[in-house]
């Protein structure tokens, strides 16, 4: 994984609202309308955060009618996890 991709992935975790969104999605898929109710932010602000999360591959969205339903991307989270695990010394001495 190159440095630019790593930066995009970890940018997704660098905002309080995005962390809240991830926490909400840990419990399963949610419609954007439900996320708006939970977060007390505007629709354009939610769209901005969801774009960052989706571009990072941490979240995926699927359209259903006029709404998008979001969920955690297991493969995206696995990429972040693998990078973090790769930072540990091979002999696990810290």
PDB file of N, CA and C in Angstrom:
ATOM      1  N   UNK A   1       0.852  -1.170   0.000  1.00  0.00           N
ATOM      2  CA  UNK A   1       0.000   0.000   0.000  1.00  0.00           C
ATOM      3  C   UNK A   1       0.901   1.237   0.000  1.00  0.00           C
ATOM      4  N   UNK A   2       0.616   2.176  -0.882  1.00  0.00           N
ATOM      5  CA  UNK A   2       1.457   3.374  -0.940  1.00  0.00           C
ATOM      6  C   UNK A   2       1.033   4.409   0.099  1.00  0.00           C
ATOM      7  N   UNK A   3       1.899   5.373   0.314  1.00  0.00           N
ATOM      8  CA  UNK A   3       1.683   6.374   1.368  1.00  0.00           C
ATOM      9  C   UNK A   3       0.424   7.195   1.141  1.00  0.00           C
ATOM     10  N   UNK A   4       0.123   7.501  -0.127  1.00  0.00           N
ATOM     11  CA  UNK A   4      -1.067   8.304  -0.415  1.00  0.00           C
ATOM     12  C   UNK A   4      -2.333   7.548  -0.003  1.00  0.00           C
ATOM     13  N   UNK A   5      -2.401   6.268  -0.324  1.00  0.00           N
ATOM     14  CA  UNK A   5      -3.562   5.445   0.040  1.00  0.00           C
ATOM     15  C   UNK A   5      -3.688   5.331   1.557  1.00  0.00           C
ATOM     16  N   UNK A   6      -2.585   5.162   2.226  1.00  0.00           N
ATOM     17  CA  UNK A   6      -2.578   5.075   3.694  1.00  0.00           C
ATOM     18  C   UNK A   6      -3.121   6.366   4.297  1.00  0.00           C
ATOM     19  N   UNK A   7      -2.690   7.505   3.754  1.00  0.00           N
ATOM     20  CA  UNK A   7      -3.161   8.798   4.264  1.00  0.00           C
ATOM     21  C   UNK A   7      -4.665   8.957   4.057  1.00  0.00           C
ATOM     22  N   UNK A   8      -5.190   8.508   2.925  1.00  0.00           N
ATOM     23  CA  UNK A   8      -6.627   8.595   2.652  1.00  0.00           C
ATOM     24  C   UNK A   8      -7.405   7.746   3.657  1.00  0.00           C
ATOM     25  N   UNK A   9      -6.903   6.546   3.925  1.00  0.00           N
ATOM     26  CA  UNK A   9      -7.579   5.652   4.874  1.00  0.00           C
ATOM     27  C   UNK A   9      -7.619   6.281   6.264  1.00  0.00           C
ATOM     28  N   UNK A  10      -6.495   6.783   6.729  1.00  0.00           N
ATOM     29  CA  UNK A  10      -6.464   7.276   8.108  1.00  0.00           C
ATOM     30  C   UNK A  10      -7.062   8.665   8.263  1.00  0.00           C
ATOM     31  N   UNK A  11      -7.210   9.411   7.169  1.00  0.00           N
ATOM     32  CA  UNK A  11      -7.943  10.680   7.220  1.00  0.00           C
ATOM     33  C   UNK A  11      -9.394  10.414   7.642  1.00  0.00           C
ATOM     34  N   UNK A  12      -9.907   9.268   7.244  1.00  0.00           N
ATOM     35  CA  UNK A  12     -11.290   8.923   7.567  1.00  0.00           C
ATOM     36  C   UNK A  12     -11.520   8.845   9.074  1.00  0.00           C
ATOM     37  N   UNK A  13     -10.490   8.551   9.841  1.00  0.00           N
ATOM     38  CA  UNK A  13     -10.620   8.407  11.290  1.00  0.00           C
ATOM     39  C   UNK A  13     -10.292   9.697  12.048  1.00  0.00           C
ATOM     40  N   UNK A  14      -9.974  10.762  11.333  1.00  0.00           N
ATOM     41  CA  UNK A  14      -9.456  11.987  11.965  1.00  0.00           C
ATOM     42  C   UNK A  14     -10.498  13.077  12.144  1.00  0.00           C
ATOM     43  N   UNK A  15     -11.729  12.694  12.355  1.00  0.00           N
ATOM     44  CA  UNK A  15     -12.773  13.684  12.595  1.00  0.00           C
ATOM     45  C   UNK A  15     -13.791  13.075  13.555  1.00  0.00           C
ATOM     46  N   UNK A  16     -14.195  13.835  14.520  1.00  0.00           N
ATOM     47  CA  UNK A  16     -15.127  13.361  15.548  1.00  0.00           C
ATOM     48  C   UNK A  16     -16.434  12.854  14.944  1.00  0.00           C
ATOM     49  N   UNK A  17     -16.984  13.576  13.964  1.00  0.00           N
ATOM     50  CA  UNK A  17     -18.239  13.144  13.346  1.00  0.00           C
ATOM     51  C   UNK A  17     -18.075  11.838  12.586  1.00  0.00           C
ATOM     52  N   UNK A  18     -16.939  11.675  11.898  1.00  0.00           N
ATOM     53  CA  UNK A  18     -16.716  10.427  11.168  1.00  0.00           C
ATOM     54  C   UNK A  18     -16.545   9.255  12.126  1.00  0.00           C
ATOM     55  N   UNK A  19     -15.906   9.488  13.245  1.00  0.00           N
ATOM     56  CA  UNK A  19     -15.780   8.430  14.255  1.00  0.00           C
ATOM     57  C   UNK A  19     -17.172   8.060  14.779  1.00  0.00           C
ATOM     58  N   UNK A  20     -18.025   9.049  15.003  1.00  0.00           N
ATOM     59  CA  UNK A  20     -19.394   8.776  15.451  1.00  0.00           C
ATOM     60  C   UNK A  20     -20.151   7.967  14.404  1.00  0.00           C
ATOM     61  N   UNK A  21     -19.976   8.318  13.132  1.00  0.00           N
ATOM     62  CA  UNK A  21     -20.637   7.582  12.047  1.00  0.00           C
ATOM     63  C   UNK A  21     -20.185   6.126  12.042  1.00  0.00           C
ATOM     64  N   UNK A  22     -18.891   5.906  12.166  1.00  0.00           N
ATOM     65  CA  UNK A  22     -18.359   4.546  12.198  1.00  0.00           C
ATOM     66  C   UNK A  22     -18.950   3.778  13.377  1.00  0.00           C
ATOM     67  N   UNK A  23     -19.022   4.429  14.533  1.00  0.00           N
ATOM     68  CA  UNK A  23     -19.606   3.778  15.708  1.00  0.00           C
ATOM     69  C   UNK A  23     -21.067   3.387  15.458  1.00  0.00           C
ATOM     70  N   UNK A  24     -21.833   4.274  14.825  1.00  0.00           N
ATOM     71  CA  UNK A  24     -23.230   3.965  14.526  1.00  0.00           C
ATOM     72  C   UNK A  24     -23.342   2.795  13.555  1.00  0.00           C
ATOM     73  N   UNK A  25     -22.435   2.734  12.590  1.00  0.00           N
ATOM     74  CA  UNK A  25     -22.487   1.672  11.584  1.00  0.00           C
ATOM     75  C   UNK A  25     -21.979   0.333  12.110  1.00  0.00           C
ATOM     76  N   UNK A  26     -21.296   0.347  13.237  1.00  0.00           N
ATOM     77  CA  UNK A  26     -20.848  -0.911  13.848  1.00  0.00           C
ATOM     78  C   UNK A  26     -22.032  -1.816  14.167  1.00  0.00           C
ATOM     79  N   UNK A  27     -23.189  -1.236  14.360  1.00  0.00           N
ATOM     80  CA  UNK A  27     -24.377  -1.992  14.732  1.00  0.00           C
ATOM     81  C   UNK A  27     -25.202  -2.400  13.524  1.00  0.00           C
ATOM     82  N   UNK A  28     -24.675  -2.186  12.316  1.00  0.00           N
ATOM     83  CA  UNK A  28     -25.360  -2.599  11.096  1.00  0.00           C
ATOM     84  C   UNK A  28     -25.623  -1.445  10.156  1.00  0.00           C
ATOM     85  N   UNK A  29     -26.113  -1.797   8.994  1.00  0.00           N
ATOM     86  CA  UNK A  29     -26.399  -0.815   7.942  1.00  0.00           C
ATOM     87  C   UNK A  29     -27.398   0.224   8.423  1.00  0.00           C
ATOM     88  N   UNK A  30     -27.147   1.471   7.998  1.00  0.00           N
ATOM     89  CA  UNK A  30     -28.058   2.561   8.370  1.00  0.00           C
ATOM     90  C   UNK A  30     -28.300   3.444   7.140  1.00  0.00           C
ATOM     91  N   UNK A  31     -29.525   3.898   7.045  1.00  0.00           N
ATOM     92  CA  UNK A  31     -29.904   4.852   6.012  1.00  0.00           C
ATOM     93  C   UNK A  31     -29.325   6.223   6.379  1.00  0.00           C
ATOM     94  N   UNK A  32     -28.998   7.004   5.369  1.00  0.00           N
ATOM     95  CA  UNK A  32     -28.488   8.357   5.609  1.00  0.00           C
ATOM     96  C   UNK A  32     -29.466   9.163   6.461  1.00  0.00           C
ATOM     97  N   UNK A  33     -30.751   8.933   6.273  1.00  0.00           N
ATOM     98  CA  UNK A  33     -31.745   9.673   7.065  1.00  0.00           C
ATOM     99  C   UNK A  33     -31.609   9.363   8.554  1.00  0.00           C
ATOM    100  N   UNK A  34     -31.310   8.116   8.903  1.00  0.00           N
ATOM    101  CA  UNK A  34     -31.114   7.743  10.309  1.00  0.00           C
ATOM    102  C   UNK A  34     -29.832   8.344  10.863  1.00  0.00           C
ATOM    103  N   UNK A  35     -28.781   8.373  10.045  1.00  0.00           N
ATOM    104  CA  UNK A  35     -27.533   8.995  10.484  1.00  0.00           C
ATOM    105  C   UNK A  35     -27.745  10.476  10.762  1.00  0.00           C
ATOM    106  N   UNK A  36     -28.515  11.140   9.906  1.00  0.00           N
ATOM    107  CA  UNK A  36     -28.806  12.562  10.118  1.00  0.00           C
ATOM    108  C   UNK A  36     -29.519  12.784  11.445  1.00  0.00           C
ATOM    109  N   UNK A  37     -30.466  11.932  11.768  1.00  0.00           N
ATOM    110  CA  UNK A  37     -31.193  12.058  13.036  1.00  0.00           C
ATOM    111  C   UNK A  37     -30.262  11.894  14.231  1.00  0.00           C
ATOM    112  N   UNK A  38     -29.350  10.971  14.143  1.00  0.00           N
ATOM    113  CA  UNK A  38     -28.451  10.655  15.261  1.00  0.00           C
ATOM    114  C   UNK A  38     -27.363  11.707  15.472  1.00  0.00           C
ATOM    115  N   UNK A  39     -26.919  12.336  14.388  1.00  0.00           N
ATOM    116  CA  UNK A  39     -25.728  13.181  14.455  1.00  0.00           C
ATOM    117  C   UNK A  39     -25.995  14.669  14.647  1.00  0.00           C
ATOM    118  N   UNK A  40     -27.191  15.119  14.342  1.00  0.00           N
ATOM    119  CA  UNK A  40     -27.496  16.543  14.462  1.00  0.00           C
ATOM    120  C   UNK A  40     -26.563  17.391  13.592  1.00  0.00           C
ATOM    121  N   UNK A  41     -26.380  16.964  12.333  1.00  0.00           N
ATOM    122  CA  UNK A  41     -25.604  17.723  11.351  1.00  0.00           C
ATOM    123  C   UNK A  41     -26.461  17.903  10.108  1.00  0.00           C
ATOM    124  N   UNK A  42     -26.056  18.789   9.213  1.00  0.00           N
ATOM    125  CA  UNK A  42     -26.826  19.028   7.993  1.00  0.00           C
ATOM    126  C   UNK A  42     -26.567  17.923   6.969  1.00  0.00           C
ATOM    127  N   UNK A  43     -27.462  17.822   5.996  1.00  0.00           N
ATOM    128  CA  UNK A  43     -27.311  16.817   4.946  1.00  0.00           C
ATOM    129  C   UNK A  43     -26.027  17.033   4.140  1.00  0.00           C
ATOM    130  N   UNK A  44     -25.678  18.280   3.749  1.00  0.00           N
ATOM    131  CA  UNK A  44     -24.418  18.476   3.031  1.00  0.00           C
ATOM    132  C   UNK A  44     -23.187  18.067   3.858  1.00  0.00           C
ATOM    133  N   UNK A  45     -23.247  18.308   5.162  1.00  0.00           N
ATOM    134  CA  UNK A  45     -22.133  17.911   6.034  1.00  0.00           C
ATOM    135  C   UNK A  45     -22.027  16.389   6.086  1.00  0.00           C
ATOM    136  N   UNK A  46     -23.169  15.705   6.211  1.00  0.00           N
ATOM    137  CA  UNK A  46     -23.150  14.244   6.205  1.00  0.00           C
ATOM    138  C   UNK A  46     -22.585  13.734   4.884  1.00  0.00           C
ATOM    139  N   UNK A  47     -23.011  14.308   3.777  1.00  0.00           N
ATOM    140  CA  UNK A  47     -22.507  13.884   2.458  1.00  0.00           C
ATOM    141  C   UNK A  47     -20.993  14.032   2.373  1.00  0.00           C
ATOM    142  N   UNK A  48     -20.481  15.129   2.898  1.00  0.00           N
ATOM    143  CA  UNK A  48     -19.026  15.365   2.909  1.00  0.00           C
ATOM    144  C   UNK A  48     -18.314  14.258   3.685  1.00  0.00           C
ATOM    145  N   UNK A  49     -18.805  13.955   4.876  1.00  0.00           N
ATOM    146  CA  UNK A  49     -18.175  12.924   5.698  1.00  0.00           C
ATOM    147  C   UNK A  49     -18.291  11.541   5.053  1.00  0.00           C
ATOM    148  N   UNK A  50     -19.451  11.255   4.451  1.00  0.00           N
ATOM    149  CA  UNK A  50     -19.630   9.942   3.835  1.00  0.00           C
ATOM    150  C   UNK A  50     -18.736   9.779   2.614  1.00  0.00           C
ATOM    151  N   UNK A  51     -18.494  10.852   1.886  1.00  0.00           N
ATOM    152  CA  UNK A  51     -17.580  10.778   0.741  1.00  0.00           C
ATOM    153  C   UNK A  51     -16.181  10.406   1.207  1.00  0.00           C
ATOM    154  N   UNK A  52     -15.733  11.031   2.265  1.00  0.00           N
ATOM    155  CA  UNK A  52     -14.399  10.732   2.801  1.00  0.00           C
ATOM    156  C   UNK A  52     -14.331   9.277   3.276  1.00  0.00           C
ATOM    157  N   UNK A  53     -15.344   8.826   3.995  1.00  0.00           N
ATOM    158  CA  UNK A  53     -15.363   7.448   4.487  1.00  0.00           C
ATOM    159  C   UNK A  53     -15.429   6.436   3.340  1.00  0.00           C
ATOM    160  N   UNK A  54     -16.224   6.736   2.322  1.00  0.00           N
ATOM    161  CA  UNK A  54     -16.339   5.833   1.178  1.00  0.00           C
ATOM    162  C   UNK A  54     -15.066   5.845   0.333  1.00  0.00           C
ATOM    163  N   UNK A  55     -14.490   7.023   0.100  1.00  0.00           N
ATOM    164  CA  UNK A  55     -13.238   7.106  -0.657  1.00  0.00           C
ATOM    165  C   UNK A  55     -12.123   6.331   0.033  1.00  0.00           C
ATOM    166  N   UNK A  56     -12.161   6.301   1.344  1.00  0.00           N
ATOM    167  CA  UNK A  56     -11.159   5.566   2.115  1.00  0.00           C
ATOM    168  C   UNK A  56     -11.412   4.059   2.077  1.00  0.00           C
ATOM    169  N   UNK A  57     -12.614   3.675   1.677  1.00  0.00           N
ATOM    170  CA  UNK A  57     -12.954   2.256   1.643  1.00  0.00           C
ATOM    171  C   UNK A  57     -13.403   1.712   2.980  1.00  0.00           C
ATOM    172  N   UNK A  58     -13.567   2.573   3.965  1.00  0.00           N
ATOM    173  CA  UNK A  58     -13.982   2.144   5.301  1.00  0.00           C
ATOM    174  C   UNK A  58     -15.492   1.886   5.339  1.00  0.00           C
ATOM    175  N   UNK A  59     -16.235   2.607   4.519  1.00  0.00           N
ATOM    176  CA  UNK A  59     -17.690   2.501   4.455  1.00  0.00           C
ATOM    177  C   UNK A  59     -18.089   2.298   2.993  1.00  0.00           C
ATOM    178  N   UNK A  60     -19.166   1.539   2.786  1.00  0.00           N
ATOM    179  CA  UNK A  60     -19.745   1.387   1.453  1.00  0.00           C
ATOM    180  C   UNK A  60     -21.189   1.837   1.504  1.00  0.00           C
ATOM    181  N   UNK A  61     -21.671   2.335   0.383  1.00  0.00           N
ATOM    182  CA  UNK A  61     -23.047   2.787   0.301  1.00  0.00           C
ATOM    183  C   UNK A  61     -23.780   2.091  -0.827  1.00  0.00           C
ATOM    184  N   UNK A  62     -25.080   1.914  -0.648  1.00  0.00           N
ATOM    185  CA  UNK A  62     -25.920   1.373  -1.714  1.00  0.00           C
ATOM    186  C   UNK A  62     -27.188   2.218  -1.785  1.00  0.00           C
ATOM    187  N   UNK A  63     -27.572   2.546  -3.000  1.00  0.00           N
ATOM    188  CA  UNK A  63     -28.751   3.374  -3.221  1.00  0.00           C
ATOM    189  C   UNK A  63     -30.014   2.531  -3.130  1.00  0.00           C
ATOM    190  N   UNK A  64     -31.000   3.102  -2.477  1.00  0.00           N
ATOM    191  CA  UNK A  64     -32.330   2.497  -2.430  1.00  0.00           C
ATOM    192  C   UNK A  64     -33.319   3.645  -2.502  1.00  0.00           C
ATOM    193  N   UNK A  65     -33.917   3.820  -3.660  1.00  0.00           N
ATOM    194  CA  UNK A  65     -34.797   4.966  -3.860  1.00  0.00           C
ATOM    195  C   UNK A  65     -33.989   6.250  -3.809  1.00  0.00           C
ATOM    196  N   UNK A  66     -34.473   7.214  -3.051  1.00  0.00           N
ATOM    197  CA  UNK A  66     -33.746   8.489  -2.968  1.00  0.00           C
ATOM    198  C   UNK A  66     -32.682   8.491  -1.876  1.00  0.00           C
ATOM    199  N   UNK A  67     -32.634   7.438  -1.050  1.00  0.00           N
ATOM    200  CA  UNK A  67     -31.694   7.383   0.061  1.00  0.00           C
ATOM    201  C   UNK A  67     -30.545   6.425  -0.219  1.00  0.00           C
ATOM    202  N   UNK A  68     -29.447   6.677   0.457  1.00  0.00           N
ATOM    203  CA  UNK A  68     -28.310   5.762   0.423  1.00  0.00           C
ATOM    204  C   UNK A  68     -28.205   5.098   1.790  1.00  0.00           C
ATOM    205  N   UNK A  69     -27.953   3.809   1.771  1.00  0.00           N
ATOM    206  CA  UNK A  69     -27.769   3.027   2.990  1.00  0.00           C
ATOM    207  C   UNK A  69     -26.282   2.703   3.104  1.00  0.00           C
ATOM    208  N   UNK A  70     -25.729   2.940   4.274  1.00  0.00           N
ATOM    209  CA  UNK A  70     -24.290   2.782   4.488  1.00  0.00           C
ATOM    210  C   UNK A  70     -23.994   1.646   5.457  1.00  0.00           C
ATOM    211  N   UNK A  71     -22.848   1.021   5.239  1.00  0.00           N
ATOM    212  CA  UNK A  71     -22.383  -0.034   6.149  1.00  0.00           C
ATOM    213  C   UNK A  71     -20.854  -0.040   6.158  1.00  0.00           C
ATOM    214  N   UNK A  72     -20.311  -0.682   7.164  1.00  0.00           N
ATOM    215  CA  UNK A  72     -18.859  -0.831   7.289  1.00  0.00           C
ATOM    216  C   UNK A  72     -18.372  -1.769   6.192  1.00  0.00           C
ATOM    217  N   UNK A  73     -17.247  -1.435   5.588  1.00  0.00           N
ATOM    218  CA  UNK A  73     -16.601  -2.312   4.606  1.00  0.00           C
ATOM    219  C   UNK A  73     -15.555  -3.149   5.327  1.00  0.00           C
ATOM    220  N   UNK A  74     -15.809  -4.438   5.408  1.00  0.00           N
ATOM    221  CA  UNK A  74     -14.875  -5.313   6.111  1.00  0.00           C
ATOM    222  C   UNK A  74     -13.510  -5.317   5.434  1.00  0.00           C
ATOM    223  N   UNK A  75     -13.488  -5.269   4.103  1.00  0.00           N
ATOM    224  CA  UNK A  75     -12.193  -5.269   3.407  1.00  0.00           C
ATOM    225  C   UNK A  75     -11.440  -3.964   3.663  1.00  0.00           C
ATOM    226  N   UNK A  76     -12.143  -2.849   3.746  1.00  0.00           N
ATOM    227  CA  UNK A  76     -11.502  -1.571   4.031  1.00  0.00           C
ATOM    228  C   UNK A  76     -10.921  -1.519   5.432  1.00  0.00           C
ATOM    229  N   UNK A  77     -11.672  -2.032   6.388  1.00  0.00           N
ATOM    230  CA  UNK A  77     -11.190  -2.072   7.765  1.00  0.00           C
ATOM    231  C   UNK A  77      -9.996  -3.023   7.861  1.00  0.00           C
ATOM    232  N   UNK A  78     -10.058  -4.116   7.132  1.00  0.00           N
ATOM    233  CA  UNK A  78      -8.947  -5.078   7.134  1.00  0.00           C
ATOM    234  C   UNK A  78      -7.670  -4.443   6.593  1.00  0.00           C
ATOM    235  N   UNK A  79      -7.783  -3.605   5.549  1.00  0.00           N
ATOM    236  CA  UNK A  79      -6.607  -2.898   5.021  1.00  0.00           C
ATOM    237  C   UNK A  79      -5.974  -2.016   6.088  1.00  0.00           C
ATOM    238  N   UNK A  80      -6.796  -1.250   6.795  1.00  0.00           N
ATOM    239  CA  UNK A  80      -6.286  -0.378   7.855  1.00  0.00           C
ATOM    240  C   UNK A  80      -5.630  -1.207   8.944  1.00  0.00           C
ATOM    241  N   UNK A  81      -6.267  -2.298   9.316  1.00  0.00           N
ATOM    242  CA  UNK A  81      -5.747  -3.190  10.355  1.00  0.00           C
ATOM    243  C   UNK A  81      -4.396  -3.779   9.941  1.00  0.00           C
ATOM    244  N   UNK A  82      -4.291  -4.234   8.706  1.00  0.00           N
ATOM    245  CA  UNK A  82      -3.038  -4.828   8.230  1.00  0.00           C
ATOM    246  C   UNK A  82      -1.904  -3.806   8.246  1.00  0.00           C
ATOM    247  N   UNK A  83      -2.213  -2.568   7.849  1.00  0.00           N
ATOM    248  CA  UNK A  83      -1.172  -1.543   7.881  1.00  0.00           C
ATOM    249  C   UNK A  83      -0.700  -1.310   9.310  1.00  0.00           C
ATOM    250  N   UNK A  84      -1.632  -1.158  10.229  1.00  0.00           N
ATOM    251  CA  UNK A  84      -1.262  -0.933  11.635  1.00  0.00           C
ATOM    252  C   UNK A  84      -0.465  -2.107  12.189  1.00  0.00           C
ATOM    253  N   UNK A  85      -0.868  -3.321  11.874  1.00  0.00           N
ATOM    254  CA  UNK A  85      -0.131  -4.483  12.350  1.00  0.00           C
ATOM    255  C   UNK A  85       1.279  -4.519  11.759  1.00  0.00           C
ATOM    256  N   UNK A  86       1.429  -4.010  10.543  1.00  0.00           N
ATOM    257  CA  UNK A  86       2.732  -3.970   9.898  1.00  0.00           C
ATOM    258  C   UNK A  86       3.694  -2.993  10.559  1.00  0.00           C
ATOM    259  N   UNK A  87       3.182  -2.102  11.379  1.00  0.00           N
ATOM    260  CA  UNK A  87       4.039  -1.148  12.080  1.00  0.00           C
ATOM    261  C   UNK A  87       4.759  -1.787  13.266  1.00  0.00           C
ATOM    262  N   UNK A  88       4.234  -2.902  13.737  1.00  0.00           N
ATOM    263  CA  UNK A  88       4.846  -3.570  14.886  1.00  0.00           C
ATOM    264  C   UNK A  88       6.158  -4.237  14.471  1.00  0.00           C
ATOM    265  N   UNK A  89       7.140  -4.236  15.361  1.00  0.00           N
ATOM    266  CA  UNK A  89       8.373  -4.959  15.073  1.00  0.00           C
ATOM    267  C   UNK A  89       8.051  -6.446  14.880  1.00  0.00           C
ATOM    268  N   UNK A  90       8.796  -7.095  14.009  1.00  0.00           N
ATOM    269  CA  UNK A  90       8.509  -8.501  13.717  1.00  0.00           C
ATOM    270  C   UNK A  90       8.619  -9.398  14.935  1.00  0.00           C
ATOM    271  N   UNK A  91       9.492  -9.067  15.859  1.00  0.00           N
ATOM    272  CA  UNK A  91       9.624  -9.891  17.055  1.00  0.00           C
ATOM    273  C   UNK A  91       8.683  -9.446  18.174  1.00  0.00           C
ATOM    274  N   UNK A  92       7.766  -8.500  17.842  1.00  0.00           N
ATOM    275  CA  UNK A  92       6.739  -8.000  18.770  1.00  0.00           C
ATOM    276  C   UNK A  92       7.293  -7.426  20.052  1.00  0.00           C
ATOM    277  N   UNK A  93       8.511  -6.876  20.014  1.00  0.00           N
ATOM    278  CA  UNK A  93       9.074  -6.216  21.187  1.00  0.00           C
ATOM    279  C   UNK A  93       8.740  -4.742  21.156  1.00  0.00           C
ATOM    280  N   UNK A  94       7.969  -4.308  22.117  1.00  0.00           N
ATOM    281  CA  UNK A  94       7.652  -2.883  22.254  1.00  0.00           C
ATOM    282  C   UNK A  94       7.979  -2.409  23.636  1.00  0.00           C
TER     283      UNK A  94
END
